[in-house]
PDB file of N, CA and C in Angstrom:
ATOM      1  N   MET A   1      -5.185 -11.271  12.407  1.00  0.00           N
ATOM      2  CA  MET A   1      -4.872 -12.187  11.331  1.00  0.00           C
ATOM      3  C   MET A   1      -3.387 -12.043  10.981  1.00  0.00           C
ATOM      4  N   SER A   2      -2.670 -13.131  11.020  1.00  0.00           N
ATOM      5  CA  SER A   2      -1.249 -13.099  10.761  1.00  0.00           C
ATOM      6  C   SER A   2      -0.946 -13.772   9.419  1.00  0.00           C
ATOM      7  N   ASN A   3      -0.339 -13.053   8.522  1.00  0.00           N
ATOM      8  CA  ASN A   3      -0.093 -13.511   7.172  1.00  0.00           C
ATOM      9  C   ASN A   3       1.202 -12.960   6.625  1.00  0.00           C
ATOM     10  N   ARG A   4       1.356 -13.117   5.328  1.00  0.00           N
ATOM     11  CA  ARG A   4       2.461 -12.530   4.603  1.00  0.00           C
ATOM     12  C   ARG A   4       1.931 -11.350   3.812  1.00  0.00           C
ATOM     13  N   CYS A   5       2.647 -10.235   3.870  1.00  0.00           N
ATOM     14  CA  CYS A   5       2.246  -9.052   3.096  1.00  0.00           C
ATOM     15  C   CYS A   5       2.510  -9.334   1.617  1.00  0.00           C
ATOM     16  N   GLU A   6       1.506  -9.148   0.802  1.00  0.00           N
ATOM     17  CA  GLU A   6       1.652  -9.422  -0.633  1.00  0.00           C
ATOM     18  C   GLU A   6       2.483  -8.358  -1.337  1.00  0.00           C
ATOM     19  N   LEU A   7       2.734  -7.217  -0.693  1.00  0.00           N
ATOM     20  CA  LEU A   7       3.522  -6.165  -1.320  1.00  0.00           C
ATOM     21  C   LEU A   7       4.980  -6.229  -0.930  1.00  0.00           C
ATOM     22  N   CYS A   8       5.271  -6.256   0.364  1.00  0.00           N
ATOM     23  CA  CYS A   8       6.680  -6.249   0.808  1.00  0.00           C
ATOM     24  C   CYS A   8       7.223  -7.644   1.074  1.00  0.00           C
ATOM     25  N   GLY A   9       6.335  -8.629   1.308  1.00  0.00           N
ATOM     26  CA  GLY A   9       6.754  -9.984   1.552  1.00  0.00           C
ATOM     27  C   GLY A   9       7.104 -10.301   2.991  1.00  0.00           C
ATOM     28  N   ARG A  10       6.958  -9.343   3.910  1.00  0.00           N
ATOM     29  CA  ARG A  10       7.293  -9.652   5.301  1.00  0.00           C
ATOM     30  C   ARG A  10       6.300 -10.662   5.856  1.00  0.00           C
ATOM     31  N   ASP A  11       6.801 -11.494   6.785  1.00  0.00           N
ATOM     32  CA  ASP A  11       6.005 -12.596   7.324  1.00  0.00           C
ATOM     33  C   ASP A  11       6.530 -12.942   8.704  1.00  0.00           C
ATOM     34  N   PRO A  12       5.719 -13.234   9.698  1.00  0.00           N
ATOM     35  CA  PRO A  12       4.268 -13.054   9.755  1.00  0.00           C
ATOM     36  C   PRO A  12       3.916 -11.644  10.187  1.00  0.00           C
ATOM     37  N   VAL A  13       2.966 -11.072   9.537  1.00  0.00           N
ATOM     38  CA  VAL A  13       2.503  -9.724   9.861  1.00  0.00           C
ATOM     39  C   VAL A  13       0.991  -9.714   9.892  1.00  0.00           C
ATOM     40  N   GLU A  14       0.443  -8.764  10.634  1.00  0.00           N
ATOM     41  CA  GLU A  14      -1.005  -8.556  10.603  1.00  0.00           C
ATOM     42  C   GLU A  14      -1.325  -7.880   9.271  1.00  0.00           C
ATOM     43  N   THR A  15      -2.319  -8.371   8.571  1.00  0.00           N
ATOM     44  CA  THR A  15      -2.642  -7.796   7.267  1.00  0.00           C
ATOM     45  C   THR A  15      -4.045  -7.186   7.276  1.00  0.00           C
ATOM     46  N   THR A  16      -4.215  -6.277   6.333  1.00  0.00           N
ATOM     47  CA  THR A  16      -5.501  -5.656   6.077  1.00  0.00           C
ATOM     48  C   THR A  16      -5.799  -5.817   4.590  1.00  0.00           C
ATOM     49  N   VAL A  17      -7.063  -5.716   4.240  1.00  0.00           N
ATOM     50  CA  VAL A  17      -7.455  -5.878   2.838  1.00  0.00           C
ATOM     51  C   VAL A  17      -7.359  -4.513   2.139  1.00  0.00           C
ATOM     52  N   HIS A  18      -6.584  -4.497   1.034  1.00  0.00           N
ATOM     53  CA  HIS A  18      -6.446  -3.299   0.223  1.00  0.00           C
ATOM     54  C   HIS A  18      -7.175  -3.539  -1.100  1.00  0.00           C
ATOM     55  N   HIS A  19      -8.112  -2.670  -1.423  1.00  0.00           N
ATOM     56  CA  HIS A  19      -8.802  -2.769  -2.720  1.00  0.00           C
ATOM     57  C   HIS A  19      -7.877  -2.169  -3.773  1.00  0.00           C
ATOM     58  N   LEU A  20      -7.438  -3.001  -4.713  1.00  0.00           N
ATOM     59  CA  LEU A  20      -6.497  -2.527  -5.734  1.00  0.00           C
ATOM     60  C   LEU A  20      -7.103  -1.434  -6.604  1.00  0.00           C
ATOM     61  N   THR A  21      -8.398  -1.527  -6.852  1.00  0.00           N
ATOM     62  CA  THR A  21      -9.151  -0.428  -7.467  1.00  0.00           C
ATOM     63  C   THR A  21      -9.972   0.159  -6.318  1.00  0.00           C
ATOM     64  N   PRO A  22      -9.778   1.441  -6.029  1.00  0.00           N
ATOM     65  CA  PRO A  22     -10.508   2.036  -4.899  1.00  0.00           C
ATOM     66  C   PRO A  22     -12.015   1.770  -4.973  1.00  0.00           C
ATOM     67  N   LYS A  23     -12.586   1.489  -3.799  1.00  0.00           N
ATOM     68  CA  LYS A  23     -14.023   1.194  -3.746  1.00  0.00           C
ATOM     69  C   LYS A  23     -14.858   2.334  -4.346  1.00  0.00           C
ATOM     70  N   GLU A  24     -14.455   3.578  -4.054  1.00  0.00           N
ATOM     71  CA  GLU A  24     -15.229   4.712  -4.584  1.00  0.00           C
ATOM     72  C   GLU A  24     -15.110   4.849  -6.097  1.00  0.00           C
ATOM     73  N   MET A  25     -14.190   4.099  -6.680  1.00  0.00           N
ATOM     74  CA  MET A  25     -14.001   4.111  -8.142  1.00  0.00           C
ATOM     75  C   MET A  25     -14.542   2.816  -8.767  1.00  0.00           C
ATOM     76  N   GLY A  26     -15.403   2.107  -8.023  1.00  0.00           N
ATOM     77  CA  GLY A  26     -16.024   0.906  -8.545  1.00  0.00           C
ATOM     78  C   GLY A  26     -15.323  -0.379  -8.185  1.00  0.00           C
ATOM     79  N   GLY A  27     -14.382  -0.342  -7.257  1.00  0.00           N
ATOM     80  CA  GLY A  27     -13.600  -1.523  -6.932  1.00  0.00           C
ATOM     81  C   GLY A  27     -14.130  -2.413  -5.833  1.00  0.00           C
ATOM     82  N   THR A  28     -15.339  -2.195  -5.370  1.00  0.00           N
ATOM     83  CA  THR A  28     -15.882  -2.957  -4.252  1.00  0.00           C
ATOM     84  C   THR A  28     -15.777  -4.466  -4.451  1.00  0.00           C
ATOM     85  N   PHE A  29     -16.091  -4.937  -5.648  1.00  0.00           N
ATOM     86  CA  PHE A  29     -16.076  -6.377  -5.895  1.00  0.00           C
ATOM     87  C   PHE A  29     -14.920  -6.790  -6.817  1.00  0.00           C
ATOM     88  N   MET A  30     -13.920  -5.931  -6.922  1.00  0.00           N
ATOM     89  CA  MET A  30     -12.765  -6.225  -7.771  1.00  0.00           C
ATOM     90  C   MET A  30     -11.643  -6.798  -6.918  1.00  0.00           C
ATOM     91  N   PRO A  31     -10.526  -7.197  -7.528  1.00  0.00           N
ATOM     92  CA  PRO A  31      -9.453  -7.846  -6.756  1.00  0.00           C
ATOM     93  C   PRO A  31      -8.914  -7.003  -5.600  1.00  0.00           C
ATOM     94  N   THR A  32      -8.503  -7.722  -4.549  1.00  0.00           N
ATOM     95  CA  THR A  32      -7.897  -7.099  -3.358  1.00  0.00           C
ATOM     96  C   THR A  32      -6.548  -7.761  -3.099  1.00  0.00           C
ATOM     97  N   ALA A  33      -5.789  -7.166  -2.172  1.00  0.00           N
ATOM     98  CA  ALA A  33      -4.506  -7.721  -1.750  1.00  0.00           C
ATOM     99  C   ALA A  33      -4.424  -7.630  -0.233  1.00  0.00           C
ATOM    100  N   ASN A  34      -3.798  -8.607   0.379  1.00  0.00           N
ATOM    101  CA  ASN A  34      -3.573  -8.573   1.822  1.00  0.00           C
ATOM    102  C   ASN A  34      -2.233  -7.887   2.078  1.00  0.00           C
ATOM    103  N   LEU A  35      -2.300  -6.705   2.677  1.00  0.00           N
ATOM    104  CA  LEU A  35      -1.099  -5.906   2.910  1.00  0.00           C
ATOM    105  C   LEU A  35      -0.881  -5.724   4.401  1.00  0.00           C
ATOM    106  N   CYS A  36       0.389  -5.629   4.786  1.00  0.00           N
ATOM    107  CA  CYS A  36       0.696  -5.284   6.182  1.00  0.00           C
ATOM    108  C   CYS A  36       0.235  -3.845   6.406  1.00  0.00           C
ATOM    109  N   ILE A  37      -0.014  -3.533   7.647  1.00  0.00           N
ATOM    110  CA  ILE A  37      -0.513  -2.193   7.983  1.00  0.00           C
ATOM    111  C   ILE A  37       0.419  -1.088   7.473  1.00  0.00           C
ATOM    112  N   PRO A  38       1.758  -1.199   7.658  1.00  0.00           N
ATOM    113  CA  PRO A  38       2.638  -0.125   7.167  1.00  0.00           C
ATOM    114  C   PRO A  38       2.543   0.076   5.648  1.00  0.00           C
ATOM    115  N   CYS A  39       2.526  -0.989   4.873  1.00  0.00           N
ATOM    116  CA  CYS A  39       2.436  -0.840   3.419  1.00  0.00           C
ATOM    117  C   CYS A  39       1.101  -0.206   3.018  1.00  0.00           C
ATOM    118  N   HIS A  40       0.027  -0.645   3.652  1.00  0.00           N
ATOM    119  CA  HIS A  40      -1.302  -0.108   3.337  1.00  0.00           C
ATOM    120  C   HIS A  40      -1.358   1.378   3.651  1.00  0.00           C
ATOM    121  N   LYS A  41      -0.843   1.761   4.825  1.00  0.00           N
ATOM    122  CA  LYS A  41      -0.825   3.174   5.205  1.00  0.00           C
ATOM    123  C   LYS A  41       0.040   3.994   4.259  1.00  0.00           C
ATOM    124  N   GLN A  42       1.166   3.430   3.842  1.00  0.00           N
ATOM    125  CA  GLN A  42       2.094   4.152   2.963  1.00  0.00           C
ATOM    126  C   GLN A  42       1.415   4.453   1.617  1.00  0.00           C
ATOM    127  N   ILE A  43       0.715   3.498   1.062  1.00  0.00           N
ATOM    128  CA  ILE A  43       0.025   3.734  -0.221  1.00  0.00           C
ATOM    129  C   ILE A  43      -0.911   4.922  -0.083  1.00  0.00           C
ATOM    130  N   HIS A  44      -1.728   4.915   0.982  1.00  0.00           N
ATOM    131  CA  HIS A  44      -2.724   5.965   1.139  1.00  0.00           C
ATOM    132  C   HIS A  44      -2.142   7.286   1.638  1.00  0.00           C
ATOM    133  N   SER A  45      -0.902   7.253   2.114  1.00  0.00           N
ATOM    134  CA  SER A  45      -0.251   8.519   2.507  1.00  0.00           C
ATOM    135  C   SER A  45       0.421   9.178   1.285  1.00  0.00           C
ATOM    136  N   LEU A  46       0.736   8.382   0.274  1.00  0.00           N
ATOM    137  CA  LEU A  46       1.384   8.936  -0.910  1.00  0.00           C
ATOM    138  C   LEU A  46       0.426   9.265  -2.051  1.00  0.00           C
ATOM    139  N   PHE A  47      -0.666   8.490  -2.143  1.00  0.00           N
ATOM    140  CA  PHE A  47      -1.533   8.599  -3.311  1.00  0.00           C
ATOM    141  C   PHE A  47      -2.991   8.772  -2.913  1.00  0.00           C
ATOM    142  N   THR A  48      -3.680   9.649  -3.651  1.00  0.00           N
ATOM    143  CA  THR A  48      -5.122   9.748  -3.508  1.00  0.00           C
ATOM    144  C   THR A  48      -5.742   8.613  -4.337  1.00  0.00           C
ATOM    145  N   ASN A  49      -7.033   8.363  -4.152  1.00  0.00           N
ATOM    146  CA  ASN A  49      -7.683   7.355  -4.990  1.00  0.00           C
ATOM    147  C   ASN A  49      -7.621   7.746  -6.462  1.00  0.00           C
ATOM    148  N   GLN A  50      -7.685   9.031  -6.756  1.00  0.00           N
ATOM    149  CA  GLN A  50      -7.588   9.506  -8.129  1.00  0.00           C
ATOM    150  C   GLN A  50      -6.184   9.199  -8.693  1.00  0.00           C
ATOM    151  N   ASP A  51      -5.146   9.381  -7.846  1.00  0.00           N
ATOM    152  CA  ASP A  51      -3.776   9.039  -8.269  1.00  0.00           C
ATOM    153  C   ASP A  51      -3.655   7.567  -8.599  1.00  0.00           C
ATOM    154  N   ILE A  52      -4.221   6.718  -7.754  1.00  0.00           N
ATOM    155  CA  ILE A  52      -4.160   5.270  -7.967  1.00  0.00           C
ATOM    156  C   ILE A  52      -4.726   4.930  -9.340  1.00  0.00           C
ATOM    157  N   MET A  53      -5.801   5.587  -9.715  1.00  0.00           N
ATOM    158  CA  MET A  53      -6.414   5.324 -11.008  1.00  0.00           C
ATOM    159  C   MET A  53      -5.595   5.915 -12.145  1.00  0.00           C
ATOM    160  N   SER A  54      -5.224   7.187 -12.021  1.00  0.00           N
ATOM    161  CA  SER A  54      -4.524   7.855 -13.149  1.00  0.00           C
ATOM    162  C   SER A  54      -3.106   7.346 -13.360  1.00  0.00           C
ATOM    163  N   LEU A  55      -2.448   6.893 -12.296  1.00  0.00           N
ATOM    164  CA  LEU A  55      -1.086   6.347 -12.423  1.00  0.00           C
ATOM    165  C   LEU A  55      -1.107   4.837 -12.658  1.00  0.00           C
ATOM    166  N   ASN A  56      -2.311   4.283 -12.765  1.00  0.00           N
ATOM    167  CA  ASN A  56      -2.502   2.854 -13.004  1.00  0.00           C
ATOM    168  C   ASN A  56      -1.776   1.992 -11.955  1.00  0.00           C
ATOM    169  N   LEU A  57      -1.990   2.324 -10.696  1.00  0.00           N
ATOM    170  CA  LEU A  57      -1.377   1.605  -9.582  1.00  0.00           C
ATOM    171  C   LEU A  57      -2.358   0.556  -9.032  1.00  0.00           C
ATOM    172  N   ARG A  58      -3.017  -0.152  -9.935  1.00  0.00           N
ATOM    173  CA  ARG A  58      -4.066  -1.095  -9.514  1.00  0.00           C
ATOM    174  C   ARG A  58      -3.616  -2.540  -9.485  1.00  0.00           C
ATOM    175  N   ASP A  59      -2.297  -2.756  -9.456  1.00  0.00           N
ATOM    176  CA  ASP A  59      -1.808  -4.137  -9.222  1.00  0.00           C
ATOM    177  C   ASP A  59      -0.517  -4.020  -8.425  1.00  0.00           C
ATOM    178  N   LEU A  60      -0.143  -5.135  -7.795  1.00  0.00           N
ATOM    179  CA  LEU A  60       0.991  -5.133  -6.885  1.00  0.00           C
ATOM    180  C   LEU A  60       2.311  -4.797  -7.614  1.00  0.00           C
ATOM    181  N   GLN A  61       2.474  -5.291  -8.825  1.00  0.00           N
ATOM    182  CA  GLN A  61       3.708  -5.018  -9.553  1.00  0.00           C
ATOM    183  C   GLN A  61       3.858  -3.531  -9.847  1.00  0.00           C
ATOM    184  N   ALA A  62       2.775  -2.882 -10.242  1.00  0.00           N
ATOM    185  CA  ALA A  62       2.825  -1.442 -10.517  1.00  0.00           C
ATOM    186  C   ALA A  62       3.164  -0.668  -9.245  1.00  0.00           C
ATOM    187  N   LEU A  63       2.629  -1.089  -8.107  1.00  0.00           N
ATOM    188  CA  LEU A  63       2.955  -0.428  -6.839  1.00  0.00           C
ATOM    189  C   LEU A  63       4.433  -0.636  -6.503  1.00  0.00           C
ATOM    190  N   ARG A  64       4.936  -1.869  -6.669  1.00  0.00           N
ATOM    191  CA  ARG A  64       6.350  -2.159  -6.352  1.00  0.00           C
ATOM    192  C   ARG A  64       7.310  -1.346  -7.233  1.00  0.00           C
ATOM    193  N   GLU A  65       6.913  -1.108  -8.465  1.00  0.00           N
ATOM    194  CA  GLU A  65       7.779  -0.400  -9.414  1.00  0.00           C
ATOM    195  C   GLU A  65       7.642   1.108  -9.360  1.00  0.00           C
ATOM    196  N   ASN A  66       6.634   1.612  -8.686  1.00  0.00           N
ATOM    197  CA  ASN A  66       6.433   3.062  -8.631  1.00  0.00           C
ATOM    198  C   ASN A  66       7.607   3.728  -7.936  1.00  0.00           C
ATOM    199  N   GLU A  67       8.062   4.842  -8.501  1.00  0.00           N
ATOM    200  CA  GLU A  67       9.261   5.535  -7.989  1.00  0.00           C
ATOM    201  C   GLU A  67       9.099   6.048  -6.565  1.00  0.00           C
ATOM    202  N   ARG A  68       7.874   6.255  -6.115  1.00  0.00           N
ATOM    203  CA  ARG A  68       7.667   6.750  -4.752  1.00  0.00           C
ATOM    204  C   ARG A  68       7.496   5.597  -3.765  1.00  0.00           C
ATOM    205  N   MET A  69       7.021   4.433  -4.228  1.00  0.00           N
ATOM    206  CA  MET A  69       6.822   3.288  -3.337  1.00  0.00           C
ATOM    207  C   MET A  69       8.057   2.403  -3.228  1.00  0.00           C
ATOM    208  N   ALA A  70       8.826   2.286  -4.312  1.00  0.00           N
ATOM    209  CA  ALA A  70       9.956   1.326  -4.344  1.00  0.00           C
ATOM    210  C   ALA A  70      10.944   1.553  -3.209  1.00  0.00           C
ATOM    211  N   PRO A  71      11.395   2.795  -2.929  1.00  0.00           N
ATOM    212  CA  PRO A  71      12.344   2.974  -1.817  1.00  0.00           C
ATOM    213  C   PRO A  71      11.742   2.562  -0.467  1.00  0.00           C
ATOM    214  N   TYR A  72      10.478   2.844  -0.272  1.00  0.00           N
ATOM    215  CA  TYR A  72       9.802   2.444   0.961  1.00  0.00           C
ATOM    216  C   TYR A  72       9.783   0.927   1.091  1.00  0.00           C
ATOM    217  N   ILE A  73       9.431   0.235   0.036  1.00  0.00           N
ATOM    218  CA  ILE A  73       9.376  -1.245   0.090  1.00  0.00           C
ATOM    219  C   ILE A  73      10.741  -1.811   0.363  1.00  0.00           C
ATOM    220  N   ARG A  74      11.785  -1.261  -0.260  1.00  0.00           N
ATOM    221  CA  ARG A  74      13.150  -1.739   0.042  1.00  0.00           C
ATOM    222  C   ARG A  74      13.470  -1.576   1.517  1.00  0.00           C
ATOM    223  N   TRP A  75      13.045  -0.441   2.111  1.00  0.00           N
ATOM    224  CA  TRP A  75      13.320  -0.180   3.521  1.00  0.00           C
ATOM    225  C   TRP A  75      12.483  -1.083   4.446  1.00  0.00           C
ATOM    226  N   ILE A  76      11.190  -1.164   4.193  1.00  0.00           N
ATOM    227  CA  ILE A  76      10.310  -1.913   5.109  1.00  0.00           C
ATOM    228  C   ILE A  76      10.645  -3.392   5.110  1.00  0.00           C
ATOM    229  N   ARG A  77      11.137  -3.930   4.001  1.00  0.00           N
ATOM    230  CA  ARG A  77      11.502  -5.358   3.936  1.00  0.00           C
ATOM    231  C   ARG A  77      12.582  -5.716   4.957  1.00  0.00           C
ATOM    232  N   LYS A  78      13.394  -4.732   5.327  1.00  0.00           N
ATOM    233  CA  LYS A  78      14.488  -4.958   6.268  1.00  0.00           C
ATOM    234  C   LYS A  78      14.042  -4.807   7.730  1.00  0.00           C
ATOM    235  N   GLN A  79      12.805  -4.386   7.931  1.00  0.00           N
ATOM    236  CA  GLN A  79      12.319  -4.128   9.284  1.00  0.00           C
ATOM    237  C   GLN A  79      11.679  -5.407   9.849  1.00  0.00           C
ATOM    238  N   PRO A  80      11.750  -5.589  11.188  1.00  0.00           N
ATOM    239  CA  PRO A  80      11.086  -6.737  11.792  1.00  0.00           C
ATOM    240  C   PRO A  80       9.574  -6.691  11.551  1.00  0.00           C
ATOM    241  N   PRO A  81       8.939  -7.861  11.493  1.00  0.00           N
ATOM    242  CA  PRO A  81       7.482  -7.891  11.227  1.00  0.00           C
ATOM    243  C   PRO A  81       6.668  -7.066  12.223  1.00  0.00           C
ATOM    244  N   SER A  82       7.167  -6.860  13.415  1.00  0.00           N
ATOM    245  CA  SER A  82       6.399  -6.112  14.413  1.00  0.00           C
ATOM    246  C   SER A  82       6.486  -4.597  14.216  1.00  0.00           C
ATOM    247  N   THR A  83       7.358  -4.132  13.335  1.00  0.00           N
ATOM    248  CA  THR A  83       7.556  -2.696  13.113  1.00  0.00           C
ATOM    249  C   THR A  83       6.344  -2.071  12.433  1.00  0.00           C
ATOM    250  N   ILE A  84       5.812  -1.034  13.062  1.00  0.00           N
ATOM    251  CA  ILE A  84       4.742  -0.226  12.453  1.00  0.00           C
ATOM    252  C   ILE A  84       5.194   1.245  12.578  1.00  0.00           C
ATOM    253  N   PRO A  85       5.890   1.702  11.534  1.00  0.00           N
ATOM    254  CA  PRO A  85       6.415   3.085  11.588  1.00  0.00           C
ATOM    255  C   PRO A  85       5.314   4.123  11.482  1.00  0.00           C
ATOM    256  N   ARG A  86       5.611   5.292  11.980  1.00  0.00           N
ATOM    257  CA  ARG A  86       4.657   6.408  11.818  1.00  0.00           C
ATOM    258  C   ARG A  86       4.616   6.766  10.355  1.00  0.00           C
ATOM    259  N   THR A  87       3.437   7.124   9.910  1.00  0.00           N
ATOM    260  CA  THR A  87       3.249   7.490   8.505  1.00  0.00           C
ATOM    261  C   THR A  87       2.645   8.878   8.471  1.00  0.00           C
ATOM    262  N   ARG A  88       3.239   9.738   7.649  1.00  0.00           N
ATOM    263  CA  ARG A  88       2.694  11.085   7.455  1.00  0.00           C
ATOM    264  C   ARG A  88       2.176  11.203   6.031  1.00  0.00           C
ATOM    265  N   LYS A  89       0.992  11.756   5.906  1.00  0.00           N
ATOM    266  CA  LYS A  89       0.451  11.963   4.562  1.00  0.00           C
ATOM    267  C   LYS A  89       1.314  12.982   3.841  1.00  0.00           C
ATOM    268  N   SER A  90       1.548  12.728   2.557  1.00  0.00           N
ATOM    269  CA  SER A  90       2.302  13.700   1.766  1.00  0.00           C
ATOM    270  C   SER A  90       1.488  14.974   1.622  1.00  0.00           C
ATOM    271  N   ASN A  91       2.163  16.067   1.356  1.00  0.00           N
ATOM    272  CA  ASN A  91       1.459  17.331   1.153  1.00  0.00           C
ATOM    273  C   ASN A  91       0.438  17.215   0.037  1.00  0.00           C
ATOM    274  N   HIS A  92       0.803  16.468  -0.977  1.00  0.00           N
ATOM    275  CA  HIS A  92      -0.109  16.255  -2.121  1.00  0.00           C
ATOM    276  C   HIS A  92      -1.422  15.644  -1.665  1.00  0.00           C
ATOM    277  N   VAL A  93      -1.356  14.619  -0.819  1.00  0.00           N
ATOM    278  CA  VAL A  93      -2.574  13.941  -0.366  1.00  0.00           C
ATOM    279  C   VAL A  93      -3.346  14.840   0.604  1.00  0.00           C
ATOM    280  N   ARG A  94      -2.626  15.567   1.468  1.00  0.00           N
ATOM    281  CA  ARG A  94      -3.297  16.443   2.415  1.00  0.00           C
ATOM    282  C   ARG A  94      -4.075  17.549   1.719  1.00  0.00           C
ATOM    283  N   ARG A  95      -3.580  18.028   0.587  1.00  0.00           N
ATOM    284  CA  ARG A  95      -4.245  19.110  -0.149  1.00  0.00           C
ATOM    285  C   ARG A  95      -5.478  18.621  -0.891  1.00  0.00           C
ATOM    286  N   SER A  96      -5.564  17.323  -1.126  1.00  0.00           N
ATOM    287  CA  SER A  96      -6.684  16.776  -1.901  1.00  0.00           C
ATOM    288  C   SER A  96      -7.968  16.681  -1.097  1.00  0.00           C
TER     289      SER A  96
END
């Protein structure tokens, strides 16, 4: 599926469905966003589902403004749509 990433705005990119409220936290039937694979991976490499809830990162604007996501979004916007960088989970997420 080729679309526009709702987080970084790159187009055309393959997108995946991101549950803005994690499914395990009751978000199965709540709003979702179509994100490119790199943005989706980056969210889950930086934040646990508990972080997403406690930091209130349940909408695209909150994700864009987050101090850990904003530099990444600025960088990925400059990359060609075909770019899928390697993503490493943060130590914080690995320990969870």
